[in-house]
N, C-alpha and C. Protein backbone atom coordinates (compact mmCIF):
# COMPACT_ATOMS: atom_id res chain seq x y z
N MET A 1 13.52 -6.11 22.72
CA MET A 1 14.01 -5.86 21.37
C MET A 1 12.90 -6.17 20.37
N ILE A 2 12.82 -5.39 19.33
CA ILE A 2 11.78 -5.54 18.31
C ILE A 2 12.17 -6.66 17.34
N SER A 3 11.17 -7.48 16.98
CA SER A 3 11.44 -8.58 16.06
C SER A 3 11.46 -8.06 14.62
N LEU A 4 12.02 -8.85 13.74
CA LEU A 4 12.07 -8.50 12.33
C LEU A 4 10.65 -8.34 11.78
N PHE A 5 9.73 -9.25 12.16
CA PHE A 5 8.36 -9.16 11.66
C PHE A 5 7.65 -7.90 12.17
N ASP A 6 7.92 -7.53 13.42
CA ASP A 6 7.36 -6.28 13.93
C ASP A 6 7.90 -5.07 13.16
N ALA A 7 9.19 -5.09 12.88
CA ALA A 7 9.80 -3.99 12.13
C ALA A 7 9.20 -3.88 10.73
N ILE A 8 8.97 -5.01 10.09
CA ILE A 8 8.35 -5.02 8.76
C ILE A 8 6.93 -4.46 8.84
N GLY A 9 6.19 -4.87 9.87
CA GLY A 9 4.84 -4.35 10.06
C GLY A 9 4.81 -2.86 10.32
N ILE A 10 5.74 -2.39 11.12
CA ILE A 10 5.83 -0.95 11.40
C ILE A 10 6.17 -0.18 10.13
N LEU A 11 7.07 -0.71 9.32
CA LEU A 11 7.39 -0.10 8.03
C LEU A 11 6.13 -0.02 7.17
N GLY A 12 5.35 -1.10 7.15
CA GLY A 12 4.11 -1.12 6.38
C GLY A 12 3.12 -0.07 6.85
N VAL A 13 2.98 0.06 8.15
CA VAL A 13 2.09 1.09 8.70
C VAL A 13 2.60 2.47 8.29
N GLY A 14 3.90 2.67 8.36
CA GLY A 14 4.49 3.95 7.99
C GLY A 14 4.23 4.29 6.52
N LEU A 15 4.37 3.31 5.64
CA LEU A 15 4.13 3.54 4.21
C LEU A 15 2.67 3.89 3.94
N THR A 16 1.77 3.16 4.59
CA THR A 16 0.34 3.41 4.41
C THR A 16 -0.04 4.79 4.93
N LEU A 17 0.47 5.15 6.09
CA LEU A 17 0.18 6.46 6.65
C LEU A 17 0.82 7.58 5.84
N LEU A 18 2.01 7.33 5.31
CA LEU A 18 2.67 8.32 4.46
C LEU A 18 1.83 8.59 3.21
N ALA A 19 1.30 7.53 2.61
CA ALA A 19 0.45 7.69 1.44
C ALA A 19 -0.76 8.56 1.77
N TYR A 20 -1.38 8.29 2.90
CA TYR A 20 -2.57 9.04 3.30
C TYR A 20 -2.22 10.49 3.62
N LEU A 21 -1.11 10.71 4.30
CA LEU A 21 -0.67 12.07 4.62
C LEU A 21 -0.40 12.85 3.34
N LEU A 22 0.33 12.26 2.39
CA LEU A 22 0.63 12.94 1.14
C LEU A 22 -0.63 13.22 0.33
N LEU A 23 -1.60 12.33 0.42
CA LEU A 23 -2.88 12.57 -0.25
C LEU A 23 -3.59 13.77 0.37
N GLN A 24 -3.66 13.80 1.69
CA GLN A 24 -4.34 14.89 2.39
C GLN A 24 -3.61 16.22 2.21
N ALA A 25 -2.31 16.16 2.10
CA ALA A 25 -1.50 17.37 1.90
C ALA A 25 -1.49 17.80 0.43
N GLU A 26 -2.21 17.06 -0.40
CA GLU A 26 -2.30 17.32 -1.83
C GLU A 26 -0.95 17.26 -2.54
N ARG A 27 -0.10 16.39 -2.04
CA ARG A 27 1.20 16.14 -2.68
C ARG A 27 1.12 14.92 -3.60
N LEU A 28 0.10 14.10 -3.42
CA LEU A 28 -0.17 12.95 -4.29
C LEU A 28 -1.64 12.99 -4.69
N GLU A 29 -1.92 12.46 -5.86
CA GLU A 29 -3.29 12.32 -6.32
C GLU A 29 -3.75 10.89 -6.04
N SER A 30 -5.02 10.73 -5.77
CA SER A 30 -5.54 9.40 -5.45
C SER A 30 -5.39 8.42 -6.62
N ARG A 31 -5.28 8.91 -7.82
CA ARG A 31 -5.14 8.04 -8.99
C ARG A 31 -3.68 7.83 -9.40
N SER A 32 -2.76 8.36 -8.62
CA SER A 32 -1.35 8.26 -9.00
C SER A 32 -0.78 6.87 -8.72
N ARG A 33 0.23 6.53 -9.49
CA ARG A 33 0.93 5.25 -9.26
C ARG A 33 1.61 5.24 -7.91
N ALA A 34 2.17 6.37 -7.50
CA ALA A 34 2.88 6.44 -6.22
C ALA A 34 1.94 6.16 -5.05
N TYR A 35 0.75 6.73 -5.10
CA TYR A 35 -0.22 6.53 -4.02
C TYR A 35 -0.60 5.06 -3.91
N SER A 36 -0.93 4.45 -5.04
CA SER A 36 -1.31 3.03 -5.02
C SER A 36 -0.14 2.15 -4.62
N ALA A 37 1.06 2.48 -5.09
CA ALA A 37 2.23 1.68 -4.76
C ALA A 37 2.55 1.75 -3.27
N LEU A 38 2.51 2.95 -2.69
CA LEU A 38 2.75 3.08 -1.25
C LEU A 38 1.75 2.25 -0.45
N ASN A 39 0.48 2.33 -0.84
CA ASN A 39 -0.55 1.54 -0.16
C ASN A 39 -0.34 0.05 -0.34
N LEU A 40 0.03 -0.36 -1.55
CA LEU A 40 0.26 -1.78 -1.81
C LEU A 40 1.43 -2.31 -1.00
N PHE A 41 2.56 -1.62 -1.06
CA PHE A 41 3.74 -2.09 -0.31
C PHE A 41 3.49 -2.05 1.19
N GLY A 42 2.78 -1.04 1.64
CA GLY A 42 2.44 -0.96 3.07
C GLY A 42 1.60 -2.13 3.51
N SER A 43 0.55 -2.44 2.76
CA SER A 43 -0.33 -3.54 3.16
C SER A 43 0.37 -4.89 3.06
N VAL A 44 1.22 -5.07 2.06
CA VAL A 44 1.96 -6.34 1.94
C VAL A 44 2.93 -6.50 3.11
N ALA A 45 3.57 -5.42 3.52
CA ALA A 45 4.47 -5.50 4.68
C ALA A 45 3.70 -5.84 5.95
N ILE A 46 2.54 -5.24 6.12
CA ILE A 46 1.72 -5.57 7.30
C ILE A 46 1.28 -7.02 7.24
N LEU A 47 0.89 -7.49 6.05
CA LEU A 47 0.51 -8.91 5.90
C LEU A 47 1.68 -9.83 6.26
N ALA A 48 2.89 -9.45 5.87
CA ALA A 48 4.07 -10.26 6.21
C ALA A 48 4.23 -10.33 7.72
N SER A 49 4.01 -9.22 8.41
CA SER A 49 4.15 -9.25 9.87
C SER A 49 3.04 -10.08 10.50
N LEU A 50 1.88 -10.12 9.87
CA LEU A 50 0.77 -10.90 10.41
C LEU A 50 0.97 -12.40 10.21
N ALA A 51 1.86 -12.78 9.31
CA ALA A 51 2.18 -14.20 9.14
C ALA A 51 2.86 -14.73 10.40
N PHE A 52 3.54 -13.84 11.11
CA PHE A 52 4.22 -14.23 12.34
C PHE A 52 3.27 -14.22 13.54
N ASP A 53 2.41 -13.23 13.60
CA ASP A 53 1.46 -13.10 14.70
C ASP A 53 0.08 -12.89 14.09
N PHE A 54 -0.60 -14.00 13.75
CA PHE A 54 -1.83 -14.00 12.96
C PHE A 54 -2.99 -13.32 13.68
N ASN A 55 -3.74 -12.53 12.92
CA ASN A 55 -4.96 -11.89 13.39
C ASN A 55 -5.90 -11.85 12.18
N LEU A 56 -6.96 -12.63 12.22
CA LEU A 56 -7.83 -12.81 11.05
C LEU A 56 -8.41 -11.49 10.54
N SER A 57 -8.93 -10.67 11.43
CA SER A 57 -9.54 -9.42 10.97
C SER A 57 -8.51 -8.50 10.32
N ALA A 58 -7.32 -8.45 10.87
CA ALA A 58 -6.26 -7.61 10.28
C ALA A 58 -5.82 -8.17 8.94
N VAL A 59 -5.74 -9.50 8.81
CA VAL A 59 -5.37 -10.12 7.53
C VAL A 59 -6.43 -9.81 6.47
N LEU A 60 -7.70 -9.90 6.84
CA LEU A 60 -8.77 -9.58 5.90
C LEU A 60 -8.68 -8.12 5.46
N MET A 61 -8.47 -7.22 6.41
CA MET A 61 -8.38 -5.80 6.09
C MET A 61 -7.20 -5.52 5.17
N GLU A 62 -6.03 -6.01 5.52
CA GLU A 62 -4.84 -5.74 4.73
C GLU A 62 -4.85 -6.47 3.40
N GLY A 63 -5.45 -7.65 3.36
CA GLY A 63 -5.58 -8.36 2.09
C GLY A 63 -6.45 -7.58 1.12
N CYS A 64 -7.58 -7.09 1.61
CA CYS A 64 -8.46 -6.26 0.77
C CYS A 64 -7.76 -4.97 0.37
N TRP A 65 -7.03 -4.37 1.30
CA TRP A 65 -6.30 -3.13 1.01
C TRP A 65 -5.28 -3.37 -0.10
N ALA A 66 -4.60 -4.50 -0.05
CA ALA A 66 -3.60 -4.83 -1.06
C ALA A 66 -4.26 -5.05 -2.42
N VAL A 67 -5.37 -5.76 -2.45
CA VAL A 67 -6.06 -6.03 -3.72
C VAL A 67 -6.56 -4.73 -4.34
N ILE A 68 -7.16 -3.87 -3.53
CA ILE A 68 -7.66 -2.59 -4.04
C ILE A 68 -6.50 -1.72 -4.53
N SER A 69 -5.40 -1.71 -3.80
CA SER A 69 -4.23 -0.93 -4.21
C SER A 69 -3.63 -1.48 -5.49
N LEU A 70 -3.61 -2.79 -5.62
CA LEU A 70 -3.11 -3.41 -6.84
C LEU A 70 -4.00 -3.04 -8.03
N TYR A 71 -5.30 -3.02 -7.82
CA TYR A 71 -6.24 -2.59 -8.86
C TYR A 71 -5.95 -1.14 -9.27
N GLY A 72 -5.78 -0.26 -8.30
CA GLY A 72 -5.49 1.14 -8.60
C GLY A 72 -4.17 1.31 -9.34
N LEU A 73 -3.17 0.55 -8.93
CA LEU A 73 -1.87 0.62 -9.59
C LEU A 73 -1.96 0.11 -11.03
N ALA A 74 -2.66 -0.99 -11.23
CA ALA A 74 -2.82 -1.53 -12.59
C ALA A 74 -3.58 -0.53 -13.46
N LYS A 75 -4.61 0.08 -12.92
CA LYS A 75 -5.38 1.07 -13.66
C LYS A 75 -4.51 2.26 -14.05
N ALA A 76 -3.67 2.72 -13.13
CA ALA A 76 -2.78 3.85 -13.42
C ALA A 76 -1.74 3.48 -14.47
N LEU A 77 -1.22 2.26 -14.40
CA LEU A 77 -0.23 1.83 -15.39
C LEU A 77 -0.86 1.66 -16.77
N LEU A 78 -2.07 1.15 -16.82
CA LEU A 78 -2.75 1.01 -18.12
C LEU A 78 -3.05 2.39 -18.72
N ALA A 79 -3.43 3.34 -17.90
CA ALA A 79 -3.68 4.69 -18.40
C ALA A 79 -2.39 5.30 -18.95
N LEU A 80 -1.27 5.01 -18.31
CA LEU A 80 0.03 5.52 -18.78
C LEU A 80 0.37 4.92 -20.14
N ARG A 81 0.08 3.64 -20.33
CA ARG A 81 0.36 2.98 -21.61
C ARG A 81 -0.52 3.50 -22.73
N ARG A 82 -1.74 3.90 -22.38
CA ARG A 82 -2.68 4.39 -23.38
C ARG A 82 -2.47 5.85 -23.74
N ALA A 83 -1.69 6.55 -22.93
CA ALA A 83 -1.46 7.97 -23.19
C ALA A 83 -0.72 8.13 -24.50
N PRO A 84 -1.11 9.13 -25.28
CA PRO A 84 -0.41 9.34 -26.56
C PRO A 84 1.03 9.77 -26.32
N PRO A 85 1.94 9.35 -27.20
CA PRO A 85 3.35 9.73 -27.03
C PRO A 85 3.52 11.26 -27.18
N VAL A 86 4.46 11.74 -26.43
CA VAL A 86 4.72 13.19 -26.45
C VAL A 86 5.80 13.53 -27.44
């Protein structure tokens, strides 16, 4: 039977891969909030699963992925705030 932490990690992998698939299929833009959010939530879910079964290299990778995704999301949100009202 699959553990809760494994399920969370699998969900995270699915979100990250979905973001990449939608980017490649040109359904999302790399600067979009949705793309950054999918990557952020995916990496955080993977990090949560790694808290149960620690792997240093994977934690470093996903931690960096989360920080970069958070940066992209913040940048997209700031651009939205600066946009002139319609």
